[in-house]
């Protein structure tokens, strides 16, 4: 039986007083991905190795700037 995006590792839960996410490795037709899911928001994203590596190229201040409007300009939080 082949592996699909629905199959993968057992999720690892990471959280604090502001957020909680589940992270797991999944297998797709295009290779392995890291799936990050927000149970509270009901949203998920699958990232490949290149996208994950590109996170290491960023300055931490860039993430702070991005989080000022995480859903885009003038877009309310969904959920």
C-alpha atoms as a PDB file:
ATOM      1  CA  UNK A   1       0.000   0.000   0.000  1.00  0.00           C
ATOM      2  CA  UNK A   2       1.428   3.408  -0.961  1.00  0.00           C
ATOM      3  CA  UNK A   3       1.713   6.339   1.387  1.00  0.00           C
ATOM      4  CA  UNK A   4      -0.526   9.368   0.906  1.00  0.00           C
ATOM      5  CA  UNK A   5      -0.734  12.862   2.417  1.00  0.00           C
ATOM      6  CA  UNK A   6      -3.248  11.544   4.917  1.00  0.00           C
ATOM      7  CA  UNK A   7      -0.770   9.061   6.365  1.00  0.00           C
ATOM      8  CA  UNK A   8       2.267  10.002   8.379  1.00  0.00           C
ATOM      9  CA  UNK A   9       3.894  10.195  11.743  1.00  0.00           C
ATOM     10  CA  UNK A  10       2.045  10.700  15.022  1.00  0.00           C
ATOM     11  CA  UNK A  11       1.600  14.467  15.565  1.00  0.00           C
ATOM     12  CA  UNK A  12       3.861  16.339  17.951  1.00  0.00           C
ATOM     13  CA  UNK A  13       1.936  19.044  19.858  1.00  0.00           C
ATOM     14  CA  UNK A  14       3.646  22.337  20.612  1.00  0.00           C
ATOM     15  CA  UNK A  15       1.863  25.124  22.451  1.00  0.00           C
ATOM     16  CA  UNK A  16       1.947  28.041  24.822  1.00  0.00           C
ATOM     17  CA  UNK A  17      -0.605  30.499  26.202  1.00  0.00           C
ATOM     18  CA  UNK A  18      -1.113  32.050  22.735  1.00  0.00           C
ATOM     19  CA  UNK A  19      -1.274  29.126  20.306  1.00  0.00           C
ATOM     20  CA  UNK A  20      -1.120  25.378  19.860  1.00  0.00           C
ATOM     21  CA  UNK A  21      -0.016  23.496  16.753  1.00  0.00           C
ATOM     22  CA  UNK A  22       0.424  19.895  15.728  1.00  0.00           C
ATOM     23  CA  UNK A  23       3.452  19.001  13.587  1.00  0.00           C
ATOM     24  CA  UNK A  24       4.016  15.741  11.735  1.00  0.00           C
ATOM     25  CA  UNK A  25       5.817  14.303   8.745  1.00  0.00           C
ATOM     26  CA  UNK A  26       3.503  13.251   5.918  1.00  0.00           C
ATOM     27  CA  UNK A  27       4.186  11.443   2.667  1.00  0.00           C
ATOM     28  CA  UNK A  28       2.840  12.795  -0.626  1.00  0.00           C
ATOM     29  CA  UNK A  29       3.273  11.830  -4.283  1.00  0.00           C
ATOM     30  CA  UNK A  30       5.930  14.556  -4.418  1.00  0.00           C
ATOM     31  CA  UNK A  31       7.894  13.381  -1.380  1.00  0.00           C
ATOM     32  CA  UNK A  32       7.982  14.061   2.328  1.00  0.00           C
ATOM     33  CA  UNK A  33       6.427  17.194   3.781  1.00  0.00           C
ATOM     34  CA  UNK A  34       6.144  18.711   7.234  1.00  0.00           C
ATOM     35  CA  UNK A  35       2.495  19.333   8.030  1.00  0.00           C
ATOM     36  CA  UNK A  36       1.722  22.077  10.539  1.00  0.00           C
ATOM     37  CA  UNK A  37      -1.870  22.187  11.758  1.00  0.00           C
ATOM     38  CA  UNK A  38      -3.694  24.608  14.031  1.00  0.00           C
ATOM     39  CA  UNK A  39      -6.530  22.715  15.747  1.00  0.00           C
ATOM     40  CA  UNK A  40      -8.057  25.975  17.011  1.00  0.00           C
ATOM     41  CA  UNK A  41      -8.209  27.581  13.554  1.00  0.00           C
ATOM     42  CA  UNK A  42      -8.803  24.376  11.602  1.00  0.00           C
ATOM     43  CA  UNK A  43      -6.021  25.322   9.180  1.00  0.00           C
ATOM     44  CA  UNK A  44      -3.033  23.301   7.968  1.00  0.00           C
ATOM     45  CA  UNK A  45      -0.104  23.655   5.599  1.00  0.00           C
ATOM     46  CA  UNK A  46       2.385  21.150   4.175  1.00  0.00           C
ATOM     47  CA  UNK A  47       5.931  22.418   3.613  1.00  0.00           C
ATOM     48  CA  UNK A  48       8.730  20.731   1.672  1.00  0.00           C
ATOM     49  CA  UNK A  49      12.417  20.726   2.627  1.00  0.00           C
ATOM     50  CA  UNK A  50      13.303  23.787   0.514  1.00  0.00           C
ATOM     51  CA  UNK A  51      10.572  25.905   2.105  1.00  0.00           C
ATOM     52  CA  UNK A  52      11.637  24.753   5.563  1.00  0.00           C
ATOM     53  CA  UNK A  53      15.276  25.527   4.836  1.00  0.00           C
ATOM     54  CA  UNK A  54      14.298  28.993   3.613  1.00  0.00           C
ATOM     55  CA  UNK A  55      12.947  29.704   7.110  1.00  0.00           C
ATOM     56  CA  UNK A  56      16.530  29.479   8.370  1.00  0.00           C
ATOM     57  CA  UNK A  57      17.530  32.290   5.992  1.00  0.00           C
ATOM     58  CA  UNK A  58      15.191  34.717   7.745  1.00  0.00           C
ATOM     59  CA  UNK A  59      16.070  37.190  10.447  1.00  0.00           C
ATOM     60  CA  UNK A  60      13.872  36.754  13.564  1.00  0.00           C
ATOM     61  CA  UNK A  61      12.733  40.382  13.205  1.00  0.00           C
ATOM     62  CA  UNK A  62      11.152  39.424   9.876  1.00  0.00           C
ATOM     63  CA  UNK A  63       8.823  37.000  11.642  1.00  0.00           C
ATOM     64  CA  UNK A  64       7.784  39.702  14.105  1.00  0.00           C
ATOM     65  CA  UNK A  65       6.926  41.985  11.186  1.00  0.00           C
ATOM     66  CA  UNK A  66       4.981  39.212   9.434  1.00  0.00           C
ATOM     67  CA  UNK A  67       2.955  38.461  12.587  1.00  0.00           C
ATOM     68  CA  UNK A  68       1.645  42.023  12.804  1.00  0.00           C
ATOM     69  CA  UNK A  69      -0.959  41.057  10.184  1.00  0.00           C
ATOM     70  CA  UNK A  70      -0.782  37.240   9.909  1.00  0.00           C
ATOM     71  CA  UNK A  71      -3.918  36.945   7.776  1.00  0.00           C
ATOM     72  CA  UNK A  72      -3.060  39.844   5.446  1.00  0.00           C
ATOM     73  CA  UNK A  73      -3.977  43.510   5.516  1.00  0.00           C
ATOM     74  CA  UNK A  74      -7.429  44.165   6.979  1.00  0.00           C
ATOM     75  CA  UNK A  75      -8.404  40.468   7.000  1.00  0.00           C
ATOM     76  CA  UNK A  76     -10.109  39.242  10.159  1.00  0.00           C
ATOM     77  CA  UNK A  77      -8.918  36.058  11.845  1.00  0.00           C
ATOM     78  CA  UNK A  78     -10.838  33.073  10.490  1.00  0.00           C
ATOM     79  CA  UNK A  79     -12.273  30.393  12.716  1.00  0.00           C
END
